Amino acid sequence: MREYELMYIVHPDLDESALNDVVQRVAAWITDGGGEVVKTEMWGKRQLAYPIRKQTQGQYVLMHCKMAPKFGVTLERNLRFQEPILRFLLSVK
């Protein structure tokens, strides 16, 4: 298993419980795929460099995780279909 960093930006209008649901859903995908979430950092609401879907702010979340390299494709597909996630970046640590 490789170590990855997953950074994603969630819609700024979500309340804390809805944001936690999104974070738990992403963590569940990783663990269900045979990986593990090492650490999750909530960076909070920040200004975006440019508007994304007419939003100028977003709630940033950084996850450090370990998973198989082939699972990255599945994770990216799942993230792409989530409406509250504006952008994401999965990179090898």
N, C-alpha and C. Protein backbone atom coordinates (compact mmCIF):
# COMPACT_ATOMS: atom_id res chain seq x y z
N MET A 1 0.84 -1.18 0.00
CA MET A 1 0.00 0.00 0.00
C MET A 1 0.89 1.24 0.00
N ARG A 2 0.44 2.22 -0.74
CA ARG A 2 1.16 3.49 -0.83
C ARG A 2 0.48 4.53 0.04
N GLU A 3 1.25 5.54 0.38
CA GLU A 3 0.70 6.67 1.14
C GLU A 3 0.27 7.75 0.15
N TYR A 4 -0.92 8.29 0.38
CA TYR A 4 -1.49 9.32 -0.48
C TYR A 4 -1.96 10.51 0.36
N GLU A 5 -2.03 11.65 -0.29
CA GLU A 5 -2.68 12.83 0.28
C GLU A 5 -3.89 13.13 -0.61
N LEU A 6 -5.03 13.27 0.01
CA LEU A 6 -6.25 13.62 -0.70
C LEU A 6 -6.73 14.96 -0.18
N MET A 7 -6.69 15.96 -1.04
CA MET A 7 -7.20 17.29 -0.68
C MET A 7 -8.47 17.51 -1.48
N TYR A 8 -9.54 17.91 -0.80
CA TYR A 8 -10.76 18.23 -1.53
C TYR A 8 -11.43 19.45 -0.92
N ILE A 9 -12.18 20.15 -1.78
CA ILE A 9 -12.88 21.38 -1.40
C ILE A 9 -14.37 21.09 -1.43
N VAL A 10 -15.03 21.35 -0.31
CA VAL A 10 -16.45 21.08 -0.16
C VAL A 10 -17.20 22.41 -0.25
N HIS A 11 -18.43 22.34 -0.72
CA HIS A 11 -19.30 23.53 -0.87
C HIS A 11 -19.32 24.33 0.44
N PRO A 12 -19.19 25.65 0.38
CA PRO A 12 -19.08 26.46 1.60
C PRO A 12 -20.37 26.59 2.40
N ASP A 13 -21.52 26.33 1.79
CA ASP A 13 -22.79 26.53 2.49
C ASP A 13 -23.21 25.33 3.33
N LEU A 14 -22.46 24.24 3.31
CA LEU A 14 -22.82 23.08 4.13
C LEU A 14 -22.56 23.37 5.60
N ASP A 15 -23.49 22.93 6.44
CA ASP A 15 -23.27 23.08 7.88
C ASP A 15 -22.30 22.00 8.35
N GLU A 16 -21.95 22.06 9.63
CA GLU A 16 -20.92 21.17 10.18
C GLU A 16 -21.30 19.70 10.09
N SER A 17 -22.56 19.37 10.35
CA SER A 17 -22.96 17.96 10.30
C SER A 17 -22.95 17.42 8.87
N ALA A 18 -23.36 18.23 7.90
CA ALA A 18 -23.32 17.80 6.51
C ALA A 18 -21.87 17.64 6.02
N LEU A 19 -20.99 18.53 6.46
CA LEU A 19 -19.58 18.42 6.12
C LEU A 19 -18.99 17.15 6.71
N ASN A 20 -19.32 16.85 7.95
CA ASN A 20 -18.83 15.63 8.59
C ASN A 20 -19.35 14.39 7.88
N ASP A 21 -20.58 14.45 7.37
CA ASP A 21 -21.12 13.32 6.60
C ASP A 21 -20.31 13.07 5.33
N VAL A 22 -19.93 14.14 4.65
CA VAL A 22 -19.13 14.01 3.43
C VAL A 22 -17.77 13.41 3.77
N VAL A 23 -17.15 13.90 4.84
CA VAL A 23 -15.83 13.40 5.25
C VAL A 23 -15.92 11.93 5.64
N GLN A 24 -16.97 11.56 6.38
CA GLN A 24 -17.13 10.16 6.77
C GLN A 24 -17.39 9.26 5.56
N ARG A 25 -18.12 9.76 4.58
CA ARG A 25 -18.41 8.99 3.37
C ARG A 25 -17.11 8.70 2.60
N VAL A 26 -16.26 9.71 2.46
CA VAL A 26 -14.99 9.54 1.76
C VAL A 26 -14.09 8.57 2.53
N ALA A 27 -14.04 8.71 3.86
CA ALA A 27 -13.24 7.80 4.67
C ALA A 27 -13.75 6.37 4.57
N ALA A 28 -15.06 6.20 4.49
CA ALA A 28 -15.65 4.86 4.36
C ALA A 28 -15.28 4.23 3.02
N TRP A 29 -15.24 5.03 1.95
CA TRP A 29 -14.83 4.50 0.65
C TRP A 29 -13.41 3.96 0.72
N ILE A 30 -12.53 4.70 1.40
CA ILE A 30 -11.13 4.30 1.49
C ILE A 30 -11.00 3.01 2.29
N THR A 31 -11.66 2.94 3.43
CA THR A 31 -11.56 1.73 4.26
C THR A 31 -12.25 0.54 3.61
N ASP A 32 -13.36 0.76 2.91
CA ASP A 32 -14.03 -0.34 2.21
C ASP A 32 -13.19 -0.87 1.05
N GLY A 33 -12.34 -0.03 0.50
CA GLY A 33 -11.47 -0.44 -0.59
C GLY A 33 -10.18 -1.09 -0.12
N GLY A 34 -10.07 -1.34 1.17
CA GLY A 34 -8.89 -2.02 1.71
C GLY A 34 -7.80 -1.08 2.19
N GLY A 35 -8.07 0.20 2.23
CA GLY A 35 -7.08 1.17 2.69
C GLY A 35 -7.34 1.60 4.12
N GLU A 36 -6.60 2.60 4.55
CA GLU A 36 -6.81 3.16 5.88
C GLU A 36 -6.56 4.66 5.85
N VAL A 37 -7.33 5.37 6.65
CA VAL A 37 -7.16 6.81 6.78
C VAL A 37 -6.25 7.05 7.97
N VAL A 38 -5.09 7.64 7.72
CA VAL A 38 -4.12 7.87 8.77
C VAL A 38 -4.47 9.13 9.57
N LYS A 39 -4.83 10.19 8.85
CA LYS A 39 -5.09 11.48 9.51
C LYS A 39 -6.02 12.31 8.65
N THR A 40 -6.91 13.04 9.28
CA THR A 40 -7.81 13.96 8.58
C THR A 40 -7.67 15.34 9.19
N GLU A 41 -7.42 16.32 8.36
CA GLU A 41 -7.28 17.71 8.81
C GLU A 41 -8.38 18.56 8.17
N MET A 42 -9.14 19.23 9.00
CA MET A 42 -10.17 20.16 8.52
C MET A 42 -9.55 21.56 8.54
N TRP A 43 -9.33 22.12 7.35
CA TRP A 43 -8.69 23.43 7.25
C TRP A 43 -9.69 24.57 7.37
N GLY A 44 -10.96 24.28 7.26
CA GLY A 44 -11.97 25.31 7.39
C GLY A 44 -12.26 26.02 6.08
N LYS A 45 -13.03 27.09 6.20
CA LYS A 45 -13.47 27.84 5.02
C LYS A 45 -12.37 28.82 4.60
N ARG A 46 -12.04 28.79 3.31
CA ARG A 46 -11.01 29.65 2.75
C ARG A 46 -11.46 30.24 1.42
N GLN A 47 -10.83 31.32 1.05
CA GLN A 47 -11.11 31.99 -0.22
C GLN A 47 -10.50 31.17 -1.35
N LEU A 48 -11.23 30.99 -2.44
CA LEU A 48 -10.72 30.29 -3.61
C LEU A 48 -9.96 31.27 -4.50
N ALA A 49 -9.01 30.77 -5.27
CA ALA A 49 -8.24 31.61 -6.18
C ALA A 49 -9.10 32.11 -7.34
N TYR A 50 -10.09 31.30 -7.72
CA TYR A 50 -11.00 31.67 -8.81
C TYR A 50 -12.34 31.00 -8.53
N PRO A 51 -13.44 31.54 -9.04
CA PRO A 51 -14.76 30.96 -8.76
C PRO A 51 -14.90 29.55 -9.34
N ILE A 52 -15.47 28.66 -8.55
CA ILE A 52 -15.79 27.30 -8.99
C ILE A 52 -17.29 27.11 -8.77
N ARG A 53 -18.02 26.84 -9.84
CA ARG A 53 -19.47 26.68 -9.78
C ARG A 53 -20.13 27.87 -9.05
N LYS A 54 -19.68 29.06 -9.40
CA LYS A 54 -20.19 30.32 -8.86
C LYS A 54 -19.92 30.49 -7.37
N GLN A 55 -18.98 29.76 -6.80
CA GLN A 55 -18.60 29.88 -5.40
C GLN A 55 -17.22 30.52 -5.32
N THR A 56 -17.05 31.45 -4.37
CA THR A 56 -15.76 32.09 -4.18
C THR A 56 -15.05 31.60 -2.93
N GLN A 57 -15.72 30.77 -2.13
CA GLN A 57 -15.12 30.18 -0.94
C GLN A 57 -15.37 28.69 -0.95
N GLY A 58 -14.61 27.97 -0.13
CA GLY A 58 -14.79 26.53 -0.01
C GLY A 58 -14.23 26.04 1.31
N GLN A 59 -14.71 24.89 1.76
CA GLN A 59 -14.22 24.28 2.99
C GLN A 59 -13.20 23.21 2.60
N TYR A 60 -11.97 23.39 3.04
CA TYR A 60 -10.88 22.51 2.66
C TYR A 60 -10.74 21.36 3.64
N VAL A 61 -10.49 20.16 3.09
CA VAL A 61 -10.25 18.97 3.90
C VAL A 61 -9.03 18.26 3.32
N LEU A 62 -8.09 17.87 4.19
CA LEU A 62 -6.89 17.14 3.79
C LEU A 62 -6.88 15.80 4.50
N MET A 63 -6.74 14.72 3.74
CA MET A 63 -6.68 13.37 4.31
C MET A 63 -5.36 12.73 3.92
N HIS A 64 -4.70 12.15 4.90
CA HIS A 64 -3.53 11.31 4.66
C HIS A 64 -4.02 9.88 4.76
N CYS A 65 -3.78 9.09 3.72
CA CYS A 65 -4.31 7.73 3.72
C CYS A 65 -3.33 6.78 3.05
N LYS A 66 -3.56 5.50 3.30
CA LYS A 66 -2.79 4.43 2.67
C LYS A 66 -3.78 3.55 1.92
N MET A 67 -3.46 3.26 0.66
CA MET A 67 -4.34 2.41 -0.14
C MET A 67 -3.57 1.84 -1.32
N ALA A 68 -4.18 0.86 -1.96
CA ALA A 68 -3.57 0.24 -3.13
C ALA A 68 -3.61 1.22 -4.30
N PRO A 69 -2.59 1.21 -5.15
CA PRO A 69 -2.56 2.15 -6.28
C PRO A 69 -3.75 2.04 -7.22
N LYS A 70 -4.26 0.85 -7.44
CA LYS A 70 -5.39 0.67 -8.36
C LYS A 70 -6.69 1.24 -7.80
N PHE A 71 -6.79 1.39 -6.49
CA PHE A 71 -8.01 1.92 -5.89
C PHE A 71 -8.17 3.42 -6.13
N GLY A 72 -7.07 4.10 -6.48
CA GLY A 72 -7.14 5.54 -6.73
C GLY A 72 -8.11 5.92 -7.83
N VAL A 73 -8.20 5.10 -8.86
CA VAL A 73 -9.12 5.37 -9.97
C VAL A 73 -10.57 5.30 -9.49
N THR A 74 -10.86 4.28 -8.69
CA THR A 74 -12.22 4.13 -8.15
C THR A 74 -12.57 5.28 -7.22
N LEU A 75 -11.63 5.68 -6.38
CA LEU A 75 -11.87 6.78 -5.45
C LEU A 75 -12.12 8.08 -6.21
N GLU A 76 -11.33 8.36 -7.23
CA GLU A 76 -11.53 9.57 -8.02
C GLU A 76 -12.88 9.57 -8.72
N ARG A 77 -13.31 8.42 -9.22
CA ARG A 77 -14.63 8.34 -9.86
C ARG A 77 -15.74 8.65 -8.85
N ASN A 78 -15.63 8.10 -7.64
CA ASN A 78 -16.64 8.36 -6.62
C ASN A 78 -16.65 9.83 -6.21
N LEU A 79 -15.48 10.44 -6.10
CA LEU A 79 -15.41 11.85 -5.73
C LEU A 79 -16.00 12.75 -6.81
N ARG A 80 -15.81 12.37 -8.06
CA ARG A 80 -16.31 13.17 -9.17
C ARG A 80 -17.83 13.26 -9.16
N PHE A 81 -18.51 12.22 -8.68
CA PHE A 81 -19.98 12.20 -8.70
C PHE A 81 -20.60 12.81 -7.46
N GLN A 82 -19.81 13.29 -6.51
CA GLN A 82 -20.35 13.91 -5.31
C GLN A 82 -20.62 15.39 -5.56
N GLU A 83 -21.87 15.77 -5.43
CA GLU A 83 -22.28 17.16 -5.70
C GLU A 83 -21.62 18.17 -4.76
N PRO A 84 -21.51 17.91 -3.44
CA PRO A 84 -20.92 18.94 -2.57
C PRO A 84 -19.41 19.13 -2.74
N ILE A 85 -18.71 18.21 -3.38
CA ILE A 85 -17.27 18.34 -3.55
C ILE A 85 -17.01 19.14 -4.83
N LEU A 86 -16.40 20.32 -4.65
CA LEU A 86 -16.14 21.20 -5.78
C LEU A 86 -14.91 20.77 -6.57
N ARG A 87 -13.82 20.47 -5.88
CA ARG A 87 -12.58 20.03 -6.52
C ARG A 87 -11.87 19.04 -5.58
N PHE A 88 -11.01 18.21 -6.17
CA PHE A 88 -10.22 17.28 -5.37
C PHE A 88 -8.88 17.05 -6.06
N LEU A 89 -7.89 16.61 -5.28
CA LEU A 89 -6.57 16.27 -5.81
C LEU A 89 -6.05 15.10 -4.98
N LEU A 90 -5.73 14.02 -5.65
CA LEU A 90 -5.15 12.85 -5.02
C LEU A 90 -3.72 12.74 -5.48
N SER A 91 -2.76 12.78 -4.55
CA SER A 91 -1.35 12.72 -4.92
C SER A 91 -0.61 11.75 -4.02
N VAL A 92 0.45 11.17 -4.59
CA VAL A 92 1.30 10.25 -3.83
C VAL A 92 2.16 11.07 -2.89
N LYS A 93 2.27 10.61 -1.67
CA LYS A 93 3.04 11.35 -0.66
C LYS A 93 4.52 11.07 -0.80
